[in-house]
N, C-alpha and C. Protein backbone atom coordinates (compact mmCIF):
# COMPACT_ATOMS: atom_id res chain seq x y z
N UNK A 1 158.43 182.15 211.82
CA UNK A 1 158.69 183.55 212.02
C UNK A 1 157.47 184.33 211.56
N UNK A 2 157.15 185.35 212.26
CA UNK A 2 156.00 186.18 211.94
C UNK A 2 156.14 186.76 210.53
N UNK A 3 155.01 186.97 209.88
CA UNK A 3 155.05 187.45 208.49
C UNK A 3 155.60 188.87 208.36
N UNK A 4 155.59 189.65 209.44
CA UNK A 4 156.16 190.99 209.35
C UNK A 4 157.68 190.91 209.12
N UNK A 5 158.27 189.83 209.61
CA UNK A 5 159.70 189.61 209.40
C UNK A 5 159.85 188.67 208.22
N UNK A 6 160.27 189.21 207.11
CA UNK A 6 160.41 188.38 205.91
C UNK A 6 161.59 187.41 206.07
N UNK A 7 161.86 186.67 205.04
CA UNK A 7 162.92 185.66 205.09
C UNK A 7 164.31 186.26 205.27
N UNK A 8 164.46 187.52 204.96
CA UNK A 8 165.77 188.16 205.05
C UNK A 8 166.34 188.07 206.46
N UNK A 9 165.53 188.34 207.45
CA UNK A 9 166.00 188.32 208.83
C UNK A 9 166.45 186.92 209.23
N UNK A 10 165.68 185.91 208.88
CA UNK A 10 166.05 184.53 209.20
C UNK A 10 167.33 184.11 208.51
N UNK A 11 167.48 184.51 207.26
CA UNK A 11 168.70 184.16 206.53
C UNK A 11 169.92 184.89 207.09
N UNK A 12 169.73 186.15 207.45
CA UNK A 12 170.84 186.89 208.06
C UNK A 12 171.22 186.27 209.40
N UNK A 13 170.22 185.85 210.16
CA UNK A 13 170.48 185.20 211.44
C UNK A 13 171.32 183.94 211.24
N UNK A 14 170.95 183.12 210.25
CA UNK A 14 171.71 181.91 209.95
C UNK A 14 173.13 182.24 209.49
N UNK A 15 173.25 183.26 208.66
CA UNK A 15 174.56 183.65 208.14
C UNK A 15 175.46 184.15 209.26
N UNK A 16 174.90 184.93 210.19
CA UNK A 16 175.68 185.43 211.32
C UNK A 16 176.11 184.28 212.22
N UNK A 17 175.22 183.31 212.45
CA UNK A 17 175.58 182.13 213.26
C UNK A 17 176.71 181.36 212.59
N UNK A 18 176.63 181.21 211.27
CA UNK A 18 177.69 180.54 210.51
C UNK A 18 179.01 181.28 210.66
N UNK A 19 178.98 182.60 210.51
CA UNK A 19 180.21 183.39 210.61
C UNK A 19 180.79 183.33 212.03
N UNK A 20 179.95 183.29 213.04
CA UNK A 20 180.42 183.17 214.42
C UNK A 20 181.10 181.83 214.64
N UNK A 21 180.47 180.77 214.14
CA UNK A 21 181.06 179.43 214.27
C UNK A 21 182.38 179.35 213.50
N UNK A 22 182.43 179.94 212.33
CA UNK A 22 183.65 179.93 211.52
C UNK A 22 184.77 180.66 212.26
N UNK A 23 184.44 181.75 212.94
CA UNK A 23 185.42 182.49 213.73
C UNK A 23 186.04 181.58 214.79
N UNK A 24 185.19 180.83 215.50
CA UNK A 24 185.68 179.90 216.53
C UNK A 24 186.64 178.88 215.94
N UNK A 25 186.28 178.33 214.79
CA UNK A 25 187.10 177.29 214.16
C UNK A 25 188.43 177.85 213.68
N UNK A 26 188.42 179.03 213.08
CA UNK A 26 189.67 179.64 212.60
C UNK A 26 190.60 179.92 213.78
N UNK A 27 190.05 180.47 214.85
CA UNK A 27 190.85 180.75 216.05
C UNK A 27 191.42 179.46 216.62
N UNK A 28 190.63 178.40 216.63
CA UNK A 28 191.10 177.10 217.10
C UNK A 28 192.24 176.59 216.23
N UNK A 29 192.11 176.76 214.91
CA UNK A 29 193.18 176.35 214.00
C UNK A 29 194.48 177.09 214.31
N UNK A 30 194.38 178.40 214.50
CA UNK A 30 195.58 179.20 214.78
C UNK A 30 196.18 178.81 216.13
N UNK A 31 195.34 178.59 217.13
CA UNK A 31 195.87 178.25 218.46
C UNK A 31 196.53 176.86 218.48
N UNK A 32 196.18 176.01 217.53
CA UNK A 32 196.78 174.67 217.46
C UNK A 32 197.84 174.55 216.37
N UNK A 33 198.35 175.67 215.91
CA UNK A 33 199.30 175.66 214.79
C UNK A 33 200.55 174.84 215.09
N UNK A 34 200.98 174.81 216.35
CA UNK A 34 202.18 174.05 216.72
C UNK A 34 201.88 172.68 217.31
N UNK A 35 200.62 172.28 217.29
CA UNK A 35 200.24 170.97 217.82
C UNK A 35 200.56 169.90 216.79
N UNK A 36 201.43 168.94 217.14
CA UNK A 36 201.78 167.88 216.18
C UNK A 36 200.55 167.04 215.80
N UNK A 37 200.39 166.80 214.51
CA UNK A 37 199.30 165.96 214.01
C UNK A 37 197.95 166.65 213.92
N UNK A 38 197.89 167.91 214.31
CA UNK A 38 196.60 168.63 214.24
C UNK A 38 196.28 168.95 212.78
N UNK A 39 195.06 168.62 212.38
CA UNK A 39 194.61 168.99 211.03
C UNK A 39 193.59 170.10 211.16
N UNK A 40 193.72 171.13 210.36
CA UNK A 40 192.80 172.27 210.47
C UNK A 40 191.37 171.89 210.11
N UNK A 41 190.44 172.55 210.75
CA UNK A 41 189.01 172.35 210.46
C UNK A 41 188.52 173.52 209.62
N UNK A 42 187.43 173.31 208.93
CA UNK A 42 186.81 174.36 208.13
C UNK A 42 185.30 174.21 208.26
N UNK A 43 184.62 175.32 208.37
CA UNK A 43 183.16 175.31 208.45
C UNK A 43 182.63 175.62 207.07
N UNK A 44 181.75 174.78 206.57
CA UNK A 44 181.15 174.97 205.25
C UNK A 44 179.69 175.35 205.42
N UNK A 45 179.26 176.35 204.67
CA UNK A 45 177.86 176.77 204.68
C UNK A 45 177.08 175.80 203.81
N UNK A 46 176.05 175.19 204.37
CA UNK A 46 175.25 174.21 203.65
C UNK A 46 174.39 174.93 202.61
N UNK A 47 174.26 174.34 201.44
CA UNK A 47 173.44 174.92 200.38
C UNK A 47 172.05 175.25 200.89
N UNK A 48 171.50 176.32 200.40
CA UNK A 48 170.17 176.77 200.80
C UNK A 48 169.14 175.66 200.63
N UNK A 49 169.23 174.91 199.55
CA UNK A 49 168.26 173.84 199.30
C UNK A 49 168.37 172.75 200.35
N UNK A 50 169.61 172.36 200.68
CA UNK A 50 169.81 171.31 201.68
C UNK A 50 169.39 171.78 203.06
N UNK A 51 169.56 173.08 203.34
CA UNK A 51 169.26 173.61 204.65
C UNK A 51 167.83 174.10 204.79
N UNK A 52 167.07 174.00 203.70
CA UNK A 52 165.69 174.50 203.73
C UNK A 52 164.91 173.78 204.82
N UNK A 53 164.22 174.55 205.60
CA UNK A 53 163.44 173.97 206.69
C UNK A 53 162.08 173.56 206.17
N UNK A 54 161.77 172.32 206.40
CA UNK A 54 160.49 171.79 205.96
C UNK A 54 159.44 172.24 206.96
N UNK A 55 158.41 172.84 206.46
CA UNK A 55 157.33 173.28 207.34
C UNK A 55 156.47 172.08 207.71
N UNK A 56 156.35 171.87 208.99
CA UNK A 56 155.54 170.75 209.46
C UNK A 56 154.11 171.23 209.64
N UNK A 57 153.20 170.42 209.17
CA UNK A 57 151.80 170.78 209.25
C UNK A 57 151.12 169.83 210.23
N UNK A 58 150.34 170.38 211.10
CA UNK A 58 149.60 169.59 212.07
C UNK A 58 148.35 169.06 211.40
N UNK A 59 148.28 167.74 211.23
CA UNK A 59 147.15 167.14 210.54
C UNK A 59 146.07 166.66 211.50
N UNK A 60 146.42 166.57 212.77
CA UNK A 60 145.47 166.12 213.77
C UNK A 60 145.72 166.93 215.04
N UNK A 61 144.67 167.40 215.67
CA UNK A 61 144.83 168.24 216.85
C UNK A 61 145.51 167.52 218.01
N UNK A 62 145.54 166.18 217.99
CA UNK A 62 146.17 165.42 219.07
C UNK A 62 147.66 165.20 218.82
N UNK A 63 148.14 165.53 217.65
CA UNK A 63 149.56 165.39 217.35
C UNK A 63 150.35 166.52 217.99
N UNK A 64 151.57 166.21 218.36
CA UNK A 64 152.44 167.26 218.89
C UNK A 64 152.89 168.15 217.74
N UNK A 65 153.00 169.42 218.02
CA UNK A 65 153.45 170.35 216.99
C UNK A 65 154.97 170.26 216.88
N UNK A 66 155.45 170.05 215.68
CA UNK A 66 156.89 169.88 215.46
C UNK A 66 157.59 171.19 215.19
N UNK A 67 158.86 171.17 215.41
CA UNK A 67 159.68 172.34 215.14
C UNK A 67 160.95 171.84 214.48
N UNK A 68 161.29 172.40 213.34
CA UNK A 68 162.47 171.97 212.62
C UNK A 68 163.51 173.07 212.65
N UNK A 69 164.45 172.95 213.58
CA UNK A 69 165.51 173.94 213.68
C UNK A 69 166.83 173.24 213.46
N UNK A 70 167.51 173.63 212.44
CA UNK A 70 168.80 173.01 212.16
C UNK A 70 169.85 174.06 211.90
N UNK A 71 171.10 173.62 211.99
CA UNK A 71 172.17 174.57 211.68
C UNK A 71 172.42 174.55 210.19
N UNK A 72 172.91 175.64 209.67
CA UNK A 72 173.12 175.78 208.23
C UNK A 72 174.60 175.66 207.87
N UNK A 73 175.35 174.92 208.66
CA UNK A 73 176.76 174.75 208.37
C UNK A 73 177.22 173.36 208.82
N UNK A 74 178.33 172.92 208.27
CA UNK A 74 178.91 171.64 208.67
C UNK A 74 180.40 171.85 208.92
N UNK A 75 180.97 171.02 209.78
CA UNK A 75 182.38 171.11 210.12
C UNK A 75 183.14 170.01 209.39
N UNK A 76 184.20 170.39 208.68
CA UNK A 76 185.00 169.42 207.93
C UNK A 76 186.47 169.61 208.26
N UNK A 77 187.24 168.54 208.13
CA UNK A 77 188.69 168.60 208.33
C UNK A 77 189.38 168.79 206.99
N UNK A 78 190.44 169.59 207.00
CA UNK A 78 191.22 169.84 205.78
C UNK A 78 192.48 168.99 205.80
N UNK A 79 193.07 168.82 204.65
CA UNK A 79 194.33 168.09 204.52
C UNK A 79 195.49 169.02 204.85
N UNK A 80 196.55 168.46 205.44
CA UNK A 80 197.77 169.21 205.65
C UNK A 80 197.77 170.03 206.92
N UNK A 81 198.90 170.66 207.20
CA UNK A 81 199.04 171.46 208.42
C UNK A 81 198.33 172.81 208.31
N UNK A 82 198.23 173.46 209.45
CA UNK A 82 197.62 174.79 209.51
C UNK A 82 198.56 175.81 208.87
N UNK A 83 198.02 176.63 207.99
CA UNK A 83 198.79 177.72 207.38
C UNK A 83 198.39 179.01 208.08
N UNK A 84 199.36 179.65 208.72
CA UNK A 84 199.08 180.89 209.44
C UNK A 84 198.58 181.97 208.49
N UNK A 85 199.21 182.08 207.32
CA UNK A 85 198.81 183.09 206.34
C UNK A 85 197.37 182.88 205.87
N UNK A 86 197.05 181.63 205.56
CA UNK A 86 195.70 181.31 205.10
C UNK A 86 194.68 181.56 206.21
N UNK A 87 195.04 181.16 207.42
CA UNK A 87 194.13 181.36 208.56
C UNK A 87 193.87 182.83 208.83
N UNK A 88 194.91 183.66 208.74
CA UNK A 88 194.74 185.09 208.99
C UNK A 88 193.91 185.74 207.88
N UNK A 89 194.11 185.29 206.65
CA UNK A 89 193.29 185.80 205.54
C UNK A 89 191.83 185.39 205.74
N UNK A 90 191.60 184.14 206.15
CA UNK A 90 190.24 183.67 206.42
C UNK A 90 189.61 184.45 207.56
N UNK A 91 190.41 184.75 208.59
CA UNK A 91 189.92 185.51 209.73
C UNK A 91 189.49 186.92 209.31
N UNK A 92 190.29 187.57 208.48
CA UNK A 92 189.97 188.92 208.01
C UNK A 92 188.71 188.90 207.14
N UNK A 93 188.63 187.94 206.22
CA UNK A 93 187.44 187.83 205.37
C UNK A 93 186.19 187.56 206.20
N UNK A 94 186.31 186.64 207.15
CA UNK A 94 185.17 186.28 208.00
C UNK A 94 184.70 187.49 208.81
N UNK A 95 185.65 188.25 209.33
CA UNK A 95 185.32 189.45 210.11
C UNK A 95 184.53 190.46 209.26
N UNK A 96 184.99 190.69 208.04
CA UNK A 96 184.30 191.62 207.14
C UNK A 96 182.88 191.14 206.80
N UNK A 97 182.75 189.86 206.50
CA UNK A 97 181.44 189.31 206.15
C UNK A 97 180.49 189.33 207.34
N UNK A 98 181.00 189.03 208.53
CA UNK A 98 180.19 189.06 209.75
C UNK A 98 179.68 190.48 210.00
N UNK A 99 180.58 191.45 209.90
CA UNK A 99 180.19 192.84 210.11
C UNK A 99 179.19 193.32 209.06
N UNK A 100 179.36 192.89 207.82
CA UNK A 100 178.42 193.27 206.76
C UNK A 100 177.03 192.71 207.06
N UNK A 101 176.96 191.48 207.52
CA UNK A 101 175.66 190.87 207.85
C UNK A 101 175.01 191.58 209.03
N UNK A 102 175.81 191.93 210.03
CA UNK A 102 175.28 192.68 211.19
C UNK A 102 174.73 194.03 210.73
N UNK A 103 175.45 194.70 209.84
CA UNK A 103 175.01 196.00 209.31
C UNK A 103 173.70 195.85 208.53
N UNK A 104 173.60 194.81 207.72
CA UNK A 104 172.37 194.57 206.95
C UNK A 104 171.19 194.30 207.88
N UNK A 105 171.43 193.54 208.94
CA UNK A 105 170.37 193.24 209.91
C UNK A 105 169.94 194.51 210.64
N UNK A 106 170.91 195.34 211.01
CA UNK A 106 170.60 196.61 211.69
C UNK A 106 169.76 197.51 210.78
N UNK A 107 170.11 197.56 209.50
CA UNK A 107 169.34 198.38 208.56
C UNK A 107 167.93 197.83 208.37
N UNK A 108 167.80 196.52 208.37
CA UNK A 108 166.48 195.90 208.22
C UNK A 108 165.59 196.29 209.41
N UNK A 109 166.15 196.19 210.62
CA UNK A 109 165.38 196.57 211.80
C UNK A 109 165.07 198.07 211.82
N UNK A 110 166.00 198.87 211.33
CA UNK A 110 165.77 200.31 211.26
C UNK A 110 164.62 200.62 210.31
N UNK A 111 164.56 199.92 209.18
CA UNK A 111 163.47 200.15 208.23
C UNK A 111 162.13 199.70 208.82
N UNK A 112 162.14 198.60 209.58
CA UNK A 112 160.90 198.17 210.25
C UNK A 112 160.48 199.20 211.30
N UNK A 113 161.45 199.73 212.02
CA UNK A 113 161.16 200.74 213.03
C UNK A 113 160.54 201.98 212.38
N UNK A 114 161.07 202.39 211.25
CA UNK A 114 160.55 203.55 210.52
C UNK A 114 159.12 203.31 210.08
N UNK A 115 158.85 202.14 209.54
CA UNK A 115 157.49 201.79 209.09
C UNK A 115 156.53 201.83 210.27
N UNK A 116 156.94 201.26 211.40
CA UNK A 116 156.06 201.23 212.57
C UNK A 116 155.79 202.64 213.11
N UNK A 117 156.78 203.50 213.09
CA UNK A 117 156.59 204.87 213.56
C UNK A 117 155.65 205.65 212.66
N UNK A 118 155.74 205.40 211.35
CA UNK A 118 154.92 206.14 210.39
C UNK A 118 153.47 205.67 210.35
N UNK A 119 153.20 204.47 210.85
CA UNK A 119 151.83 203.96 210.82
C UNK A 119 151.04 204.32 212.07
N UNK A 120 151.65 205.02 213.00
CA UNK A 120 150.95 205.40 214.24
C UNK A 120 150.00 206.52 214.00
């Protein structure tokens, strides 16, 4: 990512992707609430250290340039049946966190826009 965009934008992008995936999984859990034998899934955000992207360095001009893009979440199965109450609470929390991240990203871009306008 370009140096003008600090790590905040990349982290927010990962967080929003995680929240979007979590939304899909929660909705899937709710839609399968009456499916016999269905076990609910949960998306876990991978620790920052584990998800850290290793920067690949080109040591020889003949080597292919690598790109390390990974997801920052994992899908796990939970024990027991789907709880509608728990799923709805998770859905509400996820919605709030997703919207907060979107708002933070919008403010970040707004501040960059302000800086660019003032430097003209």
